[in-house]
Amino acid sequence: MNQFLLNDSSLESQFRSVFLFGRNVATYKFALSKTLLQLSQKEVGFLTLEDLSPYYVEHMLQHVRSGKRQITSTSSKFIQACHLYDAEQISWGDFIDVTQKVGFNNVLDAFHNIPNQTLDNAFFEKDVKGNKPGIVLTDDLFRLSESPEFENMYEEVEGRWNLVETAWQEQNPNLHVNFDVDKEELFCLRPVTAQNYMNSHNRVSLTPVRKPLNGYQKGKCFYCFDSISIESSKENTCDVDHFIPLSIQFSSTRDLDLNGVWNLVLSCHDCNRGDSNGKFTRLPIKQLLLRLNKRNEYLIDSNHPLKESIIRKTGNTKAARSKFLETIFDYAKSIRPAEWKPKTIHDRGF
C-alpha cells in the first residue's frame, strides 16, 4: 500500500487511501468519507456530534436499506438503530441520540489510519466545546474540495462501499467479479447450489465499473495521466478500456479472460479513440504492462472482492502475477504487434 503514496503525498491521494486501503470491519469509514466531502462545500469549522449526525446517518441509511451487511460483527447498536428508525419504531431524536453515543465509536479515531502508517495530513480533528464532543474540519479538507479531482471522489467512495458490502453480504471469499461490457458494470455470480439452481438472481450487480477503478488511477488516464471524470456527459468523461484488446480473444482458442478486472483500465478519449493516435484495438508497448501490474497491485492491497478475483486469476504472489501478465502479453503480441503508445505524457502519474 505504501507504493500508492510513494512520491505522491498529495491531499487527493491521502484522502483516497482512507477509503481504498483503510481497514474495514464496518462501513462507517465510507459514510464519514462522504460526510466530509459533503461538508467541505460548506463554511463550517467546529461541528458537535449532534451537528454531524444527520449527514452521517443519511449515508448509512441509504446503504442499510439495500439489505446488505454493513458490519462484520454479529450485532451493532448503531446498525440496529438504523433499522429501527427506518421501520418507524424509534423517533428521529432517539436515532440521533444513539448515533451520537455509539455511531462514531472508533471511526473518528481510526479514520486517518491506513496499513502501517497514519496520514501526514488530517482532514478533521476531534475537539470538545462547551462539554460537547465534536470535530473541527481542517484547512486540508477545504483545500481538497478545490481540487479538479474532487468531483470524482464522492462516487469513488460509493463504488468502493458497494464492493465491500456485497462481499460481506455474500460471505463468500471465492466470488469472481466479471465485467458486463454493455452495461459497463461489475457483477459477480453466486456459486450454483441445489438451493439456488433455479434462482434467476444468481447474478449480483456490484457497481458501475468507473466508480471503484478511478481512485486506484488517482483520477488519471491510465495511459497519458491526463485528468479524467467518471461523470457522464463531461468533456473528459473516461472510457473503460481493455488493456489487451478484447478482439485478441476472437483470434484465440484460449480463454484469456480479457473481461477480467486485471485487464480493465480507464482511459481518456484521445488515448482510447482519438482520430490521430487512438489505441482502438491496438496492443500497447510492453513498458505499459509494468504500469498495469502496478495498478493491479493497488487493487490487491485493497480487500474485497477485486483482490480475490485478481489473485485467483493471475497468481498468489507478485512474481506469479507479473509472470501471468507477461505470458498473456507475449501471446497477444504473437497475434498483433505491440506498438501503440500515448502521444503525450502529462506530469503526474499514479
Protein backbone atom coordinates (compact mmCIF):
# COMPACT_ATOMS: atom_id res chain seq x y z
CA MET A 1 0.00 0.00 0.00
CA ASN A 2 2.88 2.36 0.72
CA GLN A 3 3.55 2.45 -3.01
CA PHE A 4 0.29 4.34 -3.51
CA LEU A 5 1.65 7.29 -1.53
CA LEU A 6 5.28 6.88 -2.59
CA ASN A 7 6.40 10.10 -4.30
CA ASP A 8 2.81 11.33 -4.12
CA SER A 9 1.59 12.55 -0.76
CA SER A 10 -0.99 14.87 -2.31
CA LEU A 11 -4.18 15.54 -0.39
CA GLU A 12 -6.10 13.70 -3.11
CA SER A 13 -4.03 10.54 -2.72
CA GLN A 14 -4.13 10.69 1.06
CA PHE A 15 -7.91 11.00 1.16
CA ARG A 16 -8.31 8.22 -1.40
CA SER A 17 -6.04 5.95 0.62
CA VAL A 18 -8.53 6.16 3.51
CA PHE A 19 -11.43 4.58 1.66
CA LEU A 20 -9.38 2.42 -0.71
CA PHE A 21 -6.96 0.83 1.74
CA GLY A 22 -8.20 1.53 5.28
CA ARG A 23 -9.08 -1.48 7.41
CA ASN A 24 -12.77 -2.34 7.17
CA VAL A 25 -14.77 -4.07 9.89
CA ALA A 26 -17.73 -1.77 9.29
CA THR A 27 -18.72 0.63 6.56
CA TYR A 28 -18.67 3.65 8.88
CA LYS A 29 -15.47 5.00 7.28
CA PHE A 30 -17.25 5.23 3.93
CA ALA A 31 -20.15 7.12 5.48
CA LEU A 32 -17.77 9.50 7.20
CA SER A 33 -15.78 10.00 3.98
CA LYS A 34 -18.93 11.02 2.12
CA THR A 35 -19.95 13.25 5.02
CA LEU A 36 -16.61 15.07 4.98
CA LEU A 37 -16.77 15.56 1.22
CA GLN A 38 -20.26 16.96 1.63
CA LEU A 39 -19.28 19.31 4.46
CA SER A 40 -16.19 20.55 2.65
CA GLN A 41 -18.55 22.56 0.45
CA LYS A 42 -19.89 24.44 3.45
CA GLU A 43 -18.28 27.18 5.54
CA VAL A 44 -18.17 25.29 8.81
CA GLY A 45 -15.42 24.75 11.36
CA PHE A 46 -16.43 23.00 14.58
CA LEU A 47 -19.34 20.56 14.50
CA THR A 48 -20.73 18.78 17.51
CA LEU A 49 -21.53 15.10 17.07
CA GLU A 50 -25.17 16.19 17.09
CA ASP A 51 -24.44 18.51 14.14
CA LEU A 52 -22.52 15.78 12.34
CA SER A 53 -25.04 13.00 12.87
CA PRO A 54 -27.76 13.97 10.30
CA TYR A 55 -25.23 13.99 7.44
CA TYR A 56 -23.65 10.75 8.62
CA VAL A 57 -26.86 8.79 9.11
CA GLU A 58 -28.20 9.92 5.72
CA HIS A 59 -25.43 7.96 4.02
CA MET A 60 -25.72 4.99 6.37
CA LEU A 61 -29.47 4.72 5.86
CA GLN A 62 -29.14 4.62 2.08
CA HIS A 63 -26.99 1.50 2.37
CA VAL A 64 -28.79 -0.12 5.29
CA ARG A 65 -31.94 -0.01 3.16
CA SER A 66 -30.18 -2.11 0.50
CA GLY A 67 -30.37 -5.06 2.90
CA LYS A 68 -26.63 -5.70 2.62
CA ARG A 69 -24.38 -6.13 5.63
CA GLN A 70 -22.67 -3.02 6.94
CA ILE A 71 -20.53 -4.63 9.62
CA THR A 72 -18.60 -7.87 10.07
CA SER A 73 -19.66 -8.45 13.68
CA THR A 74 -22.94 -10.15 14.50
CA SER A 75 -24.50 -7.15 16.20
CA SER A 76 -24.24 -3.36 16.35
CA LYS A 77 -26.38 -0.96 18.38
CA PHE A 78 -25.91 1.69 15.72
CA ILE A 79 -26.93 -0.54 12.80
CA GLN A 80 -29.86 -1.80 14.85
CA ALA A 81 -30.92 1.82 15.43
CA CYS A 82 -30.74 2.44 11.67
CA HIS A 83 -33.13 -0.45 11.06
CA LEU A 84 -35.46 0.63 13.87
CA TYR A 85 -35.64 4.20 12.59
CA ASP A 86 -36.22 3.04 9.03
CA ALA A 87 -39.08 0.86 10.30
CA GLU A 88 -40.51 3.88 12.18
CA GLN A 89 -40.05 2.14 15.51
CA ILE A 90 -37.93 4.91 17.05
CA SER A 91 -38.10 8.68 16.60
CA TRP A 92 -35.59 10.86 14.78
CA GLY A 93 -34.47 12.33 18.10
CA ASP A 94 -33.83 8.91 19.61
CA PHE A 95 -31.99 7.83 16.45
CA ILE A 96 -29.68 10.85 16.58
CA ASP A 97 -29.11 10.27 20.28
CA VAL A 98 -27.98 6.68 19.64
CA THR A 99 -25.80 7.88 16.76
CA GLN A 100 -24.02 10.39 18.98
CA LYS A 101 -23.41 7.77 21.66
CA VAL A 102 -22.28 4.78 19.58
CA GLY A 103 -22.34 5.64 15.88
CA PHE A 104 -18.89 7.23 15.87
CA ASN A 105 -17.18 4.62 18.05
CA ASN A 106 -13.68 4.03 16.67
CA VAL A 107 -14.29 5.62 13.26
CA LEU A 108 -13.20 9.11 14.32
CA ASP A 109 -10.02 7.77 15.93
CA ALA A 110 -9.21 5.34 13.12
CA PHE A 111 -10.19 7.44 10.09
CA HIS A 112 -6.67 8.65 9.27
CA ASN A 113 -5.06 5.25 9.87
CA ILE A 114 -4.01 3.19 6.87
CA PRO A 115 -1.95 -0.02 6.90
CA ASN A 116 1.37 0.52 8.68
CA GLN A 117 1.04 4.28 8.97
CA THR A 118 -1.07 7.32 9.78
CA LEU A 119 -1.70 10.01 7.18
CA ASP A 120 0.56 13.04 7.25
CA ASN A 121 -2.42 15.37 6.84
CA ALA A 122 -5.62 15.30 8.89
CA PHE A 123 -8.94 16.26 7.32
CA PHE A 124 -10.53 16.82 10.73
CA GLU A 125 -9.53 16.86 14.37
CA LYS A 126 -11.52 15.78 17.41
CA ASP A 127 -12.44 18.58 19.77
CA VAL A 128 -14.74 19.46 22.66
CA LYS A 129 -16.52 22.77 23.14
CA GLY A 130 -18.89 23.54 25.98
CA ASN A 131 -18.73 19.90 27.10
CA LYS A 132 -19.97 18.84 23.65
CA PRO A 133 -17.68 16.47 21.72
CA GLY A 134 -17.27 17.04 18.00
CA ILE A 135 -14.77 17.63 15.23
CA VAL A 136 -13.05 20.60 13.63
CA LEU A 137 -12.74 20.49 9.85
CA THR A 138 -9.22 21.39 8.78
CA ASP A 139 -7.91 23.61 6.00
CA ASP A 140 -6.67 20.46 4.24
CA LEU A 141 -10.25 19.30 3.77
CA PHE A 142 -11.27 22.64 2.29
CA ARG A 143 -8.20 22.63 0.02
CA LEU A 144 -9.18 19.15 -1.13
CA SER A 145 -12.57 20.50 -2.19
CA GLU A 146 -10.81 22.87 -4.59
CA SER A 147 -9.05 20.05 -6.43
CA PRO A 148 -10.15 19.22 -10.01
CA GLU A 149 -10.28 15.59 -8.87
CA PHE A 150 -12.75 16.36 -6.10
CA GLU A 151 -15.85 15.83 -8.26
CA ASN A 152 -14.98 12.15 -8.70
CA MET A 153 -14.36 11.26 -5.08
CA TYR A 154 -17.96 11.07 -3.85
CA GLU A 155 -18.74 8.37 -6.43
CA GLU A 156 -15.40 6.65 -5.85
CA VAL A 157 -16.36 6.17 -2.21
CA GLU A 158 -19.74 4.85 -3.29
CA GLY A 159 -18.18 2.35 -5.68
CA ARG A 160 -15.79 1.06 -3.03
CA TRP A 161 -18.63 0.83 -0.49
CA ASN A 162 -20.73 -1.21 -2.93
CA LEU A 163 -17.94 -3.74 -3.40
CA VAL A 164 -17.20 -4.21 0.29
CA GLU A 165 -20.80 -4.60 1.44
CA THR A 166 -21.56 -7.12 -1.33
CA ALA A 167 -18.54 -9.21 -0.40
CA TRP A 168 -19.73 -9.27 3.22
CA GLN A 169 -23.31 -9.96 2.25
CA GLU A 170 -22.40 -12.94 0.08
CA GLN A 171 -20.00 -14.26 2.75
CA ASN A 172 -18.03 -15.97 0.03
CA PRO A 173 -14.28 -15.40 -0.38
CA ASN A 174 -14.39 -17.01 -3.81
CA LEU A 175 -16.64 -14.51 -5.55
CA HIS A 176 -15.48 -14.00 -9.12
CA VAL A 177 -16.00 -10.46 -10.37
CA ASN A 178 -16.99 -10.10 -14.02
CA PHE A 179 -17.44 -7.14 -16.35
CA ASP A 180 -20.61 -6.50 -18.32
CA VAL A 181 -19.38 -4.68 -21.44
CA ASP A 182 -22.81 -3.43 -22.49
CA LYS A 183 -23.82 -2.08 -19.07
CA GLU A 184 -20.26 -1.12 -18.10
CA GLU A 185 -20.77 -2.55 -14.63
CA LEU A 186 -19.09 -5.12 -12.44
CA PHE A 187 -21.08 -8.14 -11.31
CA CYS A 188 -20.49 -11.50 -9.71
CA LEU A 189 -22.20 -14.87 -9.90
CA ARG A 190 -23.17 -16.81 -6.82
CA PRO A 191 -21.89 -20.40 -6.86
CA VAL A 192 -24.65 -22.69 -8.12
CA THR A 193 -26.07 -24.94 -5.41
CA ALA A 194 -29.05 -27.25 -5.15
CA GLN A 195 -30.87 -24.50 -3.28
CA ASN A 196 -30.34 -21.72 -5.83
CA TYR A 197 -30.14 -23.74 -9.06
CA MET A 198 -33.44 -22.35 -10.35
CA ASN A 199 -32.92 -18.88 -8.89
CA SER A 200 -32.79 -16.14 -11.53
CA HIS A 201 -30.95 -13.86 -9.10
CA ASN A 202 -27.65 -15.73 -9.06
CA ARG A 203 -26.11 -12.72 -10.78
CA VAL A 204 -25.33 -9.92 -8.31
CA SER A 205 -24.75 -6.40 -9.62
CA LEU A 206 -21.85 -4.71 -7.84
CA THR A 207 -21.22 -1.22 -9.16
CA PRO A 208 -20.61 0.77 -12.35
CA VAL A 209 -17.00 -0.03 -13.19
CA ARG A 210 -15.74 3.55 -13.35
CA LYS A 211 -16.53 4.27 -9.70
CA PRO A 212 -14.11 1.87 -8.00
CA LEU A 213 -11.36 1.87 -10.64
CA ASN A 214 -10.90 5.64 -10.82
CA GLY A 215 -9.45 6.01 -7.33
CA TYR A 216 -6.69 3.47 -7.95
CA GLN A 217 -5.66 5.51 -11.01
CA LYS A 218 -5.84 8.71 -8.93
CA GLY A 219 -8.30 10.28 -11.34
CA LYS A 220 -5.86 9.97 -14.25
CA CYS A 221 -6.00 8.39 -17.68
CA PHE A 222 -4.15 5.08 -17.45
CA TYR A 223 -2.05 5.88 -20.50
CA CYS A 224 -1.26 9.60 -20.59
CA PHE A 225 -2.09 10.64 -16.97
CA ASP A 226 -4.42 13.42 -18.09
CA SER A 227 -7.28 14.16 -15.66
CA ILE A 228 -10.48 12.22 -16.32
CA SER A 229 -14.04 12.32 -15.00
CA ILE A 230 -16.31 9.41 -14.13
CA GLU A 231 -19.43 11.55 -14.50
CA SER A 232 -21.43 11.04 -17.69
CA SER A 233 -21.52 13.61 -20.48
CA LYS A 234 -18.46 15.55 -19.32
CA GLU A 235 -15.86 16.73 -21.81
CA ASN A 236 -13.31 14.46 -20.13
CA THR A 237 -15.60 11.54 -19.22
CA CYS A 238 -13.39 8.47 -19.35
CA ASP A 239 -13.71 5.30 -21.40
CA VAL A 240 -13.42 1.79 -20.00
CA ASP A 241 -10.66 0.13 -22.00
CA HIS A 242 -9.29 -3.39 -22.24
CA PHE A 243 -5.51 -3.05 -21.95
CA ILE A 244 -5.08 -6.17 -24.04
CA PRO A 245 -7.75 -5.58 -26.69
CA LEU A 246 -10.85 -7.74 -26.39
CA SER A 247 -10.58 -8.53 -30.09
CA ILE A 248 -7.48 -10.63 -29.30
CA GLN A 249 -9.87 -13.12 -27.70
CA PHE A 250 -11.70 -13.51 -31.00
CA SER A 251 -8.44 -14.61 -32.64
CA SER A 252 -7.64 -17.14 -29.92
CA THR A 253 -8.86 -20.59 -28.98
CA ARG A 254 -7.71 -19.94 -25.39
CA ASP A 255 -9.93 -18.41 -22.71
CA LEU A 256 -7.88 -15.29 -21.90
CA ASP A 257 -10.46 -13.74 -19.55
CA LEU A 258 -9.85 -10.32 -21.07
CA ASN A 259 -13.01 -9.03 -19.38
CA GLY A 260 -11.35 -9.66 -16.03
CA VAL A 261 -10.73 -6.67 -13.77
CA TRP A 262 -6.99 -7.27 -14.12
CA ASN A 263 -7.27 -6.13 -17.78
CA LEU A 264 -9.65 -3.16 -17.35
CA VAL A 265 -8.36 0.42 -17.22
CA LEU A 266 -9.86 3.89 -17.51
CA SER A 267 -8.68 5.98 -20.44
CA CYS A 268 -9.23 9.46 -21.83
CA HIS A 269 -10.94 9.79 -25.21
CA ASP A 270 -7.79 10.84 -27.04
CA CYS A 271 -5.83 7.80 -25.93
CA ASN A 272 -8.60 5.28 -26.42
CA ARG A 273 -10.17 6.50 -29.67
CA GLY A 274 -8.56 9.74 -30.77
CA ASP A 275 -8.54 10.37 -34.51
CA SER A 276 -4.79 10.66 -34.96
CA ASN A 277 -3.34 8.29 -32.38
CA GLY A 278 -6.16 6.38 -30.70
CA LYS A 279 -5.44 2.97 -29.27
CA PHE A 280 -8.63 1.36 -30.57
CA THR A 281 -7.77 -2.36 -30.94
CA ARG A 282 -4.00 -1.90 -30.93
CA LEU A 283 -1.74 -3.55 -28.38
CA PRO A 284 0.25 -1.14 -26.19
CA ILE A 285 4.02 -1.24 -25.91
CA LYS A 286 5.40 -3.58 -23.27
CA GLN A 287 6.58 -0.75 -20.98
CA LEU A 288 2.92 -0.01 -20.22
CA LEU A 289 2.48 -3.56 -18.97
CA LEU A 290 4.55 -2.59 -15.92
CA ARG A 291 2.01 0.12 -15.18
CA LEU A 292 -0.85 -2.39 -15.41
CA ASN A 293 0.98 -4.62 -12.96
CA LYS A 294 1.42 -1.67 -10.58
CA ARG A 295 -2.27 -0.76 -10.79
CA ASN A 296 -3.27 -4.37 -10.15
CA GLU A 297 -1.10 -4.46 -7.04
CA TYR A 298 -3.00 -1.41 -5.77
CA LEU A 299 -6.22 -3.39 -6.21
CA ILE A 300 -4.75 -6.35 -4.37
CA ASP A 301 -3.73 -4.15 -1.44
CA SER A 302 -7.41 -3.20 -1.12
CA ASN A 303 -9.53 -6.01 0.33
CA HIS A 304 -12.78 -7.41 -1.08
CA PRO A 305 -13.66 -8.58 -3.63
CA LEU A 306 -11.48 -7.37 -6.54
CA LYS A 307 -8.38 -8.55 -4.70
CA GLU A 308 -9.61 -12.13 -4.52
CA SER A 309 -10.68 -12.20 -8.18
CA ILE A 310 -7.35 -10.89 -9.43
CA ILE A 311 -5.29 -13.24 -7.26
CA ARG A 312 -7.39 -16.22 -8.32
CA LYS A 313 -6.80 -15.41 -11.97
CA THR A 314 -3.25 -14.07 -12.02
CA GLY A 315 -1.44 -15.72 -9.10
CA ASN A 316 -0.81 -15.76 -5.35
CA THR A 317 2.50 -13.89 -5.39
CA LYS A 318 3.78 -10.71 -7.02
CA ALA A 319 6.21 -12.78 -9.09
CA ALA A 320 3.45 -15.09 -10.30
CA ARG A 321 1.20 -12.16 -11.21
CA SER A 322 3.97 -10.44 -13.13
CA LYS A 323 4.69 -13.67 -15.00
CA PHE A 324 0.99 -14.11 -15.80
CA LEU A 325 0.79 -10.65 -17.39
CA GLU A 326 3.95 -11.24 -19.42
CA THR A 327 2.68 -14.60 -20.66
CA ILE A 328 -0.68 -13.19 -21.77
CA PHE A 329 1.01 -10.15 -23.30
CA ASP A 330 3.53 -12.24 -25.26
CA TYR A 331 0.70 -14.41 -26.56
CA ALA A 332 -1.24 -11.32 -27.65
CA LYS A 333 1.91 -9.98 -29.32
CA SER A 334 2.12 -13.16 -31.37
CA ILE A 335 -1.25 -12.17 -32.85
CA ARG A 336 -0.78 -8.40 -33.07
CA PRO A 337 2.32 -6.18 -32.80
CA ALA A 338 2.80 -4.23 -29.57
CA GLU A 339 3.44 -0.77 -30.92
CA TRP A 340 0.87 1.71 -29.55
CA LYS A 341 1.79 4.38 -27.02
CA PRO A 342 0.20 7.70 -25.99
CA LYS A 343 1.36 10.74 -27.93
CA THR A 344 1.65 12.84 -24.75
CA ILE A 345 2.50 12.06 -21.14
CA HIS A 346 1.30 14.52 -18.50
CA ASP A 347 3.36 15.34 -15.44
CA ARG A 348 2.00 13.28 -12.56
CA GLY A 349 1.00 9.66 -12.86
CA PHE A 350 -0.19 7.10 -10.38
